Amino acid sequence: MTETMGATQTTEMTTTQTAHRFADKCSKGGPDCRCGICNGALEYCPVCCGAECELTTHCYGERVPLDIREAVCAGELDYNNGYWNILKEPAEKRQDTVAKFLVKQKLYVEGHRQAGVTQFLLKIAKYA
């Protein structure tokens, strides 16, 4: 998925401080624009750069790296109530990236007590 940078954000936050702010126009958003953002077919948050399956329960509040958004889309991670939740072991190809990101953030909790998650937490520990 390509990132749409510079999207115009006009939707007000109505629930909590952590709600996603969805863009209703892309950065080119003229009257003839037919992209997914402008025609309302694509939910995109210009704050965290998440779109559709990459959107977490709550907005992280800053740009989330692509590998982390892919892990969210795969059901491996979620950001909820100020913490990154590990829902299942991330795919092998992004385990190191995800582990380093979570250690850097210091805001993660173990989601489920599954063997894969426990092994992944041991991998995280080596970066701490």
N, C-alpha and C. Protein backbone atom coordinates (compact mmCIF):
# COMPACT_ATOMS: atom_id res chain seq x y z
N MET A 1 0.84 -1.17 0.00
CA MET A 1 0.00 0.00 0.00
C MET A 1 0.89 1.24 0.00
N THR A 2 0.58 2.22 -0.80
CA THR A 2 1.35 3.45 -0.84
C THR A 2 0.77 4.42 0.17
N GLU A 3 1.63 5.26 0.68
CA GLU A 3 1.19 6.23 1.66
C GLU A 3 0.76 7.51 0.96
N THR A 4 -0.32 8.09 1.44
CA THR A 4 -0.77 9.36 0.91
C THR A 4 -0.35 10.43 1.91
N MET A 5 0.65 11.17 1.58
CA MET A 5 1.16 12.18 2.50
C MET A 5 0.50 13.52 2.20
N GLY A 6 0.35 14.33 3.20
CA GLY A 6 -0.16 15.68 3.03
C GLY A 6 -1.66 15.74 2.82
N ALA A 7 -2.40 14.76 3.28
CA ALA A 7 -3.85 14.78 3.11
C ALA A 7 -4.45 15.90 3.96
N THR A 8 -5.48 16.52 3.46
CA THR A 8 -6.15 17.58 4.18
C THR A 8 -7.08 16.96 5.21
N GLN A 9 -6.96 17.41 6.43
CA GLN A 9 -7.76 16.82 7.51
C GLN A 9 -8.79 17.86 7.94
N THR A 10 -10.06 17.49 7.87
CA THR A 10 -11.10 18.44 8.26
C THR A 10 -12.10 17.86 9.24
N THR A 11 -12.06 16.56 9.48
CA THR A 11 -13.01 15.94 10.38
C THR A 11 -12.67 16.26 11.82
N GLU A 12 -13.64 16.69 12.60
CA GLU A 12 -13.44 16.99 14.01
C GLU A 12 -13.38 15.69 14.81
N MET A 13 -12.57 15.68 15.87
CA MET A 13 -12.59 14.54 16.78
C MET A 13 -13.81 14.71 17.68
N THR A 14 -14.61 13.68 17.77
CA THR A 14 -15.82 13.81 18.56
C THR A 14 -15.85 12.91 19.78
N THR A 15 -14.99 11.90 19.85
CA THR A 15 -15.08 10.98 20.97
C THR A 15 -14.00 11.23 22.00
N THR A 16 -12.80 10.80 21.74
CA THR A 16 -11.73 10.96 22.72
C THR A 16 -10.51 11.54 22.03
N GLN A 17 -9.53 11.85 22.82
CA GLN A 17 -8.29 12.40 22.31
C GLN A 17 -7.56 11.42 21.40
N THR A 18 -7.88 10.15 21.51
CA THR A 18 -7.18 9.14 20.74
C THR A 18 -7.95 8.68 19.51
N ALA A 19 -9.01 9.34 19.16
CA ALA A 19 -9.78 8.95 17.97
C ALA A 19 -8.99 9.30 16.70
N HIS A 20 -9.14 8.48 15.67
CA HIS A 20 -8.52 8.78 14.38
C HIS A 20 -9.19 10.01 13.79
N ARG A 21 -8.41 10.81 13.10
CA ARG A 21 -8.94 11.96 12.37
C ARG A 21 -8.92 11.60 10.90
N PHE A 22 -10.06 11.32 10.36
CA PHE A 22 -10.12 10.86 8.97
C PHE A 22 -10.08 12.03 8.01
N ALA A 23 -9.29 11.87 6.96
CA ALA A 23 -9.19 12.88 5.91
C ALA A 23 -10.40 12.76 4.99
N ASP A 24 -10.90 13.90 4.53
CA ASP A 24 -11.98 13.84 3.55
C ASP A 24 -11.52 14.32 2.18
N LYS A 25 -10.25 14.77 2.10
CA LYS A 25 -9.65 15.15 0.83
C LYS A 25 -8.19 14.72 0.82
N CYS A 26 -7.70 14.32 -0.34
CA CYS A 26 -6.28 14.02 -0.47
C CYS A 26 -5.52 15.34 -0.66
N SER A 27 -4.21 15.25 -0.75
CA SER A 27 -3.41 16.47 -0.88
C SER A 27 -3.64 17.16 -2.22
N LYS A 28 -4.13 16.43 -3.22
CA LYS A 28 -4.42 17.02 -4.53
C LYS A 28 -5.88 17.43 -4.63
N GLY A 29 -6.72 16.88 -3.81
CA GLY A 29 -8.16 17.01 -3.69
C GLY A 29 -8.91 18.13 -4.38
N GLY A 30 -8.74 18.30 -5.65
CA GLY A 30 -9.53 19.28 -6.39
C GLY A 30 -10.94 18.77 -6.62
N PRO A 31 -11.78 19.59 -7.23
CA PRO A 31 -13.18 19.19 -7.44
C PRO A 31 -13.34 17.98 -8.36
N ASP A 32 -12.34 17.68 -9.18
CA ASP A 32 -12.43 16.54 -10.09
C ASP A 32 -11.70 15.30 -9.59
N CYS A 33 -11.16 15.35 -8.39
CA CYS A 33 -10.40 14.21 -7.86
C CYS A 33 -11.34 13.04 -7.59
N ARG A 34 -10.96 11.86 -8.05
CA ARG A 34 -11.80 10.67 -7.88
C ARG A 34 -11.08 9.60 -7.06
N CYS A 35 -10.09 10.00 -6.27
CA CYS A 35 -9.35 9.00 -5.49
C CYS A 35 -10.24 8.45 -4.37
N GLY A 36 -9.77 7.38 -3.73
CA GLY A 36 -10.53 6.74 -2.67
C GLY A 36 -10.79 7.62 -1.47
N ILE A 37 -9.88 8.53 -1.18
CA ILE A 37 -10.07 9.42 -0.04
C ILE A 37 -11.16 10.44 -0.36
N CYS A 38 -11.05 11.08 -1.52
CA CYS A 38 -12.00 12.14 -1.88
C CYS A 38 -13.41 11.61 -2.14
N ASN A 39 -13.53 10.39 -2.63
CA ASN A 39 -14.88 9.87 -2.89
C ASN A 39 -15.45 9.11 -1.68
N GLY A 40 -14.70 9.11 -0.57
CA GLY A 40 -15.19 8.52 0.67
C GLY A 40 -15.08 7.01 0.76
N ALA A 41 -14.42 6.37 -0.19
CA ALA A 41 -14.31 4.91 -0.18
C ALA A 41 -13.16 4.41 0.69
N LEU A 42 -12.23 5.28 1.05
CA LEU A 42 -11.05 4.87 1.81
C LEU A 42 -10.98 5.65 3.11
N GLU A 43 -10.91 4.93 4.23
CA GLU A 43 -10.69 5.58 5.52
C GLU A 43 -9.19 5.73 5.69
N TYR A 44 -8.74 6.96 5.85
CA TYR A 44 -7.32 7.26 5.97
C TYR A 44 -7.13 8.30 7.07
N CYS A 45 -6.21 8.02 8.00
CA CYS A 45 -5.89 8.96 9.08
C CYS A 45 -4.54 9.59 8.77
N PRO A 46 -4.50 10.89 8.45
CA PRO A 46 -3.23 11.53 8.13
C PRO A 46 -2.31 11.70 9.34
N VAL A 47 -2.81 11.51 10.53
CA VAL A 47 -1.98 11.62 11.73
C VAL A 47 -1.05 10.41 11.85
N CYS A 48 -1.61 9.21 11.80
CA CYS A 48 -0.80 7.99 11.95
C CYS A 48 -0.47 7.34 10.61
N CYS A 49 -1.04 7.83 9.52
CA CYS A 49 -0.87 7.32 8.16
C CYS A 49 -1.51 5.95 7.96
N GLY A 50 -2.41 5.56 8.83
CA GLY A 50 -3.09 4.29 8.69
C GLY A 50 -4.29 4.41 7.78
N ALA A 51 -4.56 3.34 7.04
CA ALA A 51 -5.72 3.28 6.16
C ALA A 51 -6.34 1.90 6.25
N GLU A 52 -7.67 1.88 6.32
CA GLU A 52 -8.43 0.63 6.31
C GLU A 52 -7.93 -0.36 7.37
N CYS A 53 -7.40 -1.52 6.98
CA CYS A 53 -7.02 -2.56 7.95
C CYS A 53 -5.81 -2.15 8.80
N GLU A 54 -5.10 -1.09 8.42
CA GLU A 54 -3.95 -0.62 9.20
C GLU A 54 -4.38 0.24 10.39
N LEU A 55 -5.64 0.59 10.48
CA LEU A 55 -6.11 1.46 11.55
C LEU A 55 -6.22 0.67 12.86
N THR A 56 -5.62 1.20 13.89
CA THR A 56 -5.68 0.59 15.22
C THR A 56 -6.96 1.04 15.93
N THR A 57 -7.22 0.48 17.10
CA THR A 57 -8.41 0.86 17.86
C THR A 57 -8.39 2.35 18.16
N HIS A 58 -7.24 2.86 18.61
CA HIS A 58 -7.07 4.29 18.87
C HIS A 58 -5.89 4.79 18.04
N CYS A 59 -5.91 6.06 17.71
CA CYS A 59 -4.81 6.65 16.94
C CYS A 59 -3.57 6.79 17.81
N TYR A 60 -2.43 6.45 17.26
CA TYR A 60 -1.16 6.53 17.97
C TYR A 60 -0.72 7.98 18.19
N GLY A 61 -1.19 8.88 17.36
CA GLY A 61 -0.88 10.30 17.54
C GLY A 61 0.30 10.79 16.74
N GLU A 62 1.00 9.91 16.05
CA GLU A 62 2.09 10.28 15.16
C GLU A 62 2.23 9.20 14.10
N ARG A 63 3.06 9.48 13.09
CA ARG A 63 3.21 8.54 11.97
C ARG A 63 3.69 7.19 12.47
N VAL A 64 3.03 6.14 12.03
CA VAL A 64 3.39 4.76 12.38
C VAL A 64 4.13 4.16 11.19
N PRO A 65 5.31 3.55 11.41
CA PRO A 65 6.07 2.96 10.31
C PRO A 65 5.27 1.88 9.55
N LEU A 66 5.59 1.71 8.29
CA LEU A 66 4.87 0.78 7.43
C LEU A 66 4.88 -0.66 7.98
N ASP A 67 6.02 -1.15 8.47
CA ASP A 67 6.07 -2.51 9.01
C ASP A 67 5.10 -2.69 10.18
N ILE A 68 4.95 -1.67 10.98
CA ILE A 68 4.04 -1.74 12.13
C ILE A 68 2.60 -1.71 11.64
N ARG A 69 2.31 -0.87 10.65
CA ARG A 69 0.95 -0.84 10.08
C ARG A 69 0.60 -2.18 9.43
N GLU A 70 1.59 -2.82 8.79
CA GLU A 70 1.36 -4.14 8.20
C GLU A 70 1.07 -5.18 9.29
N ALA A 71 1.75 -5.06 10.43
CA ALA A 71 1.50 -5.98 11.55
C ALA A 71 0.09 -5.77 12.10
N VAL A 72 -0.37 -4.52 12.13
CA VAL A 72 -1.73 -4.22 12.56
C VAL A 72 -2.72 -4.87 11.59
N CYS A 73 -2.48 -4.70 10.32
CA CYS A 73 -3.36 -5.25 9.28
C CYS A 73 -3.42 -6.77 9.36
N ALA A 74 -2.33 -7.40 9.75
CA ALA A 74 -2.27 -8.86 9.86
C ALA A 74 -2.85 -9.36 11.18
N GLY A 75 -3.31 -8.45 12.04
CA GLY A 75 -3.89 -8.86 13.32
C GLY A 75 -2.85 -9.21 14.38
N GLU A 76 -1.62 -8.74 14.20
CA GLU A 76 -0.55 -9.05 15.15
C GLU A 76 -0.43 -8.03 16.26
N LEU A 77 -0.76 -6.78 15.96
CA LEU A 77 -0.65 -5.69 16.94
C LEU A 77 -1.90 -4.83 16.90
N ASP A 78 -2.13 -4.12 18.00
CA ASP A 78 -3.18 -3.10 18.05
C ASP A 78 -2.72 -2.05 19.04
N TYR A 79 -3.09 -0.80 18.80
CA TYR A 79 -2.81 0.28 19.74
C TYR A 79 -4.13 0.67 20.37
N ASN A 80 -4.22 0.53 21.69
CA ASN A 80 -5.48 0.72 22.39
C ASN A 80 -5.20 1.29 23.78
N ASN A 81 -5.88 2.35 24.14
CA ASN A 81 -5.76 2.96 25.48
C ASN A 81 -4.32 3.29 25.85
N GLY A 82 -3.54 3.75 24.88
CA GLY A 82 -2.18 4.19 25.17
C GLY A 82 -1.10 3.12 25.14
N TYR A 83 -1.45 1.90 24.76
CA TYR A 83 -0.48 0.81 24.73
C TYR A 83 -0.57 0.02 23.44
N TRP A 84 0.59 -0.48 22.98
CA TRP A 84 0.64 -1.42 21.87
C TRP A 84 0.37 -2.80 22.44
N ASN A 85 -0.63 -3.48 21.94
CA ASN A 85 -0.99 -4.82 22.38
C ASN A 85 -0.49 -5.84 21.37
N ILE A 86 0.25 -6.83 21.86
CA ILE A 86 0.74 -7.90 21.02
C ILE A 86 -0.34 -8.97 21.00
N LEU A 87 -0.99 -9.13 19.86
CA LEU A 87 -2.11 -10.06 19.75
C LEU A 87 -1.67 -11.45 19.32
N LYS A 88 -0.66 -11.51 18.48
CA LYS A 88 -0.07 -12.78 18.10
C LYS A 88 1.33 -12.52 17.58
N GLU A 89 2.10 -13.58 17.44
CA GLU A 89 3.48 -13.43 17.01
C GLU A 89 3.55 -12.81 15.62
N PRO A 90 4.32 -11.73 15.46
CA PRO A 90 4.47 -11.12 14.14
C PRO A 90 5.15 -12.06 13.15
N ALA A 91 4.88 -11.84 11.88
CA ALA A 91 5.50 -12.63 10.81
C ALA A 91 7.02 -12.53 10.93
N GLU A 92 7.69 -13.60 10.59
CA GLU A 92 9.15 -13.68 10.71
C GLU A 92 9.85 -12.50 10.03
N LYS A 93 9.37 -12.11 8.85
CA LYS A 93 10.05 -11.05 8.09
C LYS A 93 10.05 -9.70 8.78
N ARG A 94 9.13 -9.46 9.73
CA ARG A 94 9.10 -8.16 10.40
C ARG A 94 9.30 -8.24 11.91
N GLN A 95 9.68 -9.40 12.42
CA GLN A 95 9.82 -9.55 13.88
C GLN A 95 10.84 -8.60 14.48
N ASP A 96 12.01 -8.49 13.87
CA ASP A 96 13.04 -7.60 14.42
C ASP A 96 12.58 -6.15 14.41
N THR A 97 11.99 -5.72 13.31
CA THR A 97 11.51 -4.34 13.19
C THR A 97 10.45 -4.05 14.24
N VAL A 98 9.49 -4.96 14.40
CA VAL A 98 8.42 -4.77 15.37
C VAL A 98 8.98 -4.77 16.79
N ALA A 99 9.89 -5.70 17.08
CA ALA A 99 10.49 -5.78 18.41
C ALA A 99 11.23 -4.49 18.76
N LYS A 100 12.04 -3.99 17.84
CA LYS A 100 12.79 -2.75 18.09
C LYS A 100 11.83 -1.57 18.29
N PHE A 101 10.77 -1.50 17.49
CA PHE A 101 9.79 -0.43 17.62
C PHE A 101 9.13 -0.47 19.00
N LEU A 102 8.70 -1.65 19.43
CA LEU A 102 8.01 -1.77 20.72
C LEU A 102 8.93 -1.44 21.89
N VAL A 103 10.19 -1.86 21.82
CA VAL A 103 11.14 -1.54 22.89
C VAL A 103 11.38 -0.04 22.94
N LYS A 104 11.51 0.58 21.79
CA LYS A 104 11.73 2.04 21.73
C LYS A 104 10.53 2.79 22.32
N GLN A 105 9.33 2.32 22.06
CA GLN A 105 8.13 3.01 22.54
C GLN A 105 7.90 2.79 24.04
N LYS A 106 8.32 1.67 24.56
CA LYS A 106 8.11 1.30 25.97
C LYS A 106 6.64 1.32 26.36
N LEU A 107 5.77 1.10 25.39
CA LEU A 107 4.33 1.10 25.63
C LEU A 107 3.72 -0.15 25.02
N TYR A 108 4.05 -1.30 25.55
CA TYR A 108 3.47 -2.50 24.99
C TYR A 108 3.05 -3.45 26.11
N VAL A 109 2.06 -4.24 25.82
CA VAL A 109 1.60 -5.26 26.76
C VAL A 109 1.40 -6.56 25.99
N GLU A 110 1.52 -7.64 26.70
CA GLU A 110 1.30 -8.96 26.10
C GLU A 110 -0.19 -9.15 25.93
N GLY A 111 -0.60 -9.50 24.72
CA GLY A 111 -2.01 -9.67 24.44
C GLY A 111 -2.55 -10.98 24.96
N HIS A 112 -2.12 -12.07 24.42
CA HIS A 112 -2.62 -13.39 24.80
C HIS A 112 -1.46 -14.25 25.24
N ARG A 113 -1.70 -15.14 26.13
CA ARG A 113 -0.64 -16.05 26.57
C ARG A 113 -0.58 -17.25 25.63
N GLN A 114 0.07 -17.04 24.51
CA GLN A 114 0.26 -18.09 23.53
C GLN A 114 1.75 -18.32 23.38
N ALA A 115 2.12 -19.51 23.01
CA ALA A 115 3.54 -19.85 22.89
C ALA A 115 4.26 -18.88 21.95
N GLY A 116 3.65 -18.53 20.83
CA GLY A 116 4.29 -17.64 19.88
C GLY A 116 4.54 -16.26 20.45
N VAL A 117 3.58 -15.75 21.20
CA VAL A 117 3.74 -14.43 21.81
C VAL A 117 4.83 -14.48 22.86
N THR A 118 4.88 -15.53 23.65
CA THR A 118 5.91 -15.66 24.68
C THR A 118 7.30 -15.69 24.03
N GLN A 119 7.45 -16.44 22.95
CA GLN A 119 8.73 -16.47 22.25
C GLN A 119 9.08 -15.10 21.68
N PHE A 120 8.08 -14.40 21.18
CA PHE A 120 8.33 -13.06 20.64
C PHE A 120 8.74 -12.10 21.75
N LEU A 121 8.15 -12.22 22.93
CA LEU A 121 8.54 -11.36 24.06
C LEU A 121 10.00 -11.60 24.44
N LEU A 122 10.48 -12.83 24.30
CA LEU A 122 11.89 -13.09 24.55
C LEU A 122 12.76 -12.38 23.53
N LYS A 123 12.29 -12.30 22.29
CA LYS A 123 13.03 -11.58 21.25
C LYS A 123 13.06 -10.09 21.59
N ILE A 124 11.94 -9.56 22.08
CA ILE A 124 11.89 -8.16 22.48
C ILE A 124 12.91 -7.90 23.57
N ALA A 125 13.01 -8.81 24.52
CA ALA A 125 13.91 -8.63 25.66
C ALA A 125 15.36 -8.45 25.22
N LYS A 126 15.77 -9.06 24.12
CA LYS A 126 17.15 -8.91 23.69
C LYS A 126 17.46 -7.50 23.18
N TYR A 127 16.42 -6.74 22.82
CA TYR A 127 16.63 -5.36 22.36
C TYR A 127 16.48 -4.35 23.49
N ALA A 128 15.98 -4.77 24.62
CA ALA A 128 15.73 -3.85 25.74
C ALA A 128 17.04 -3.45 26.40
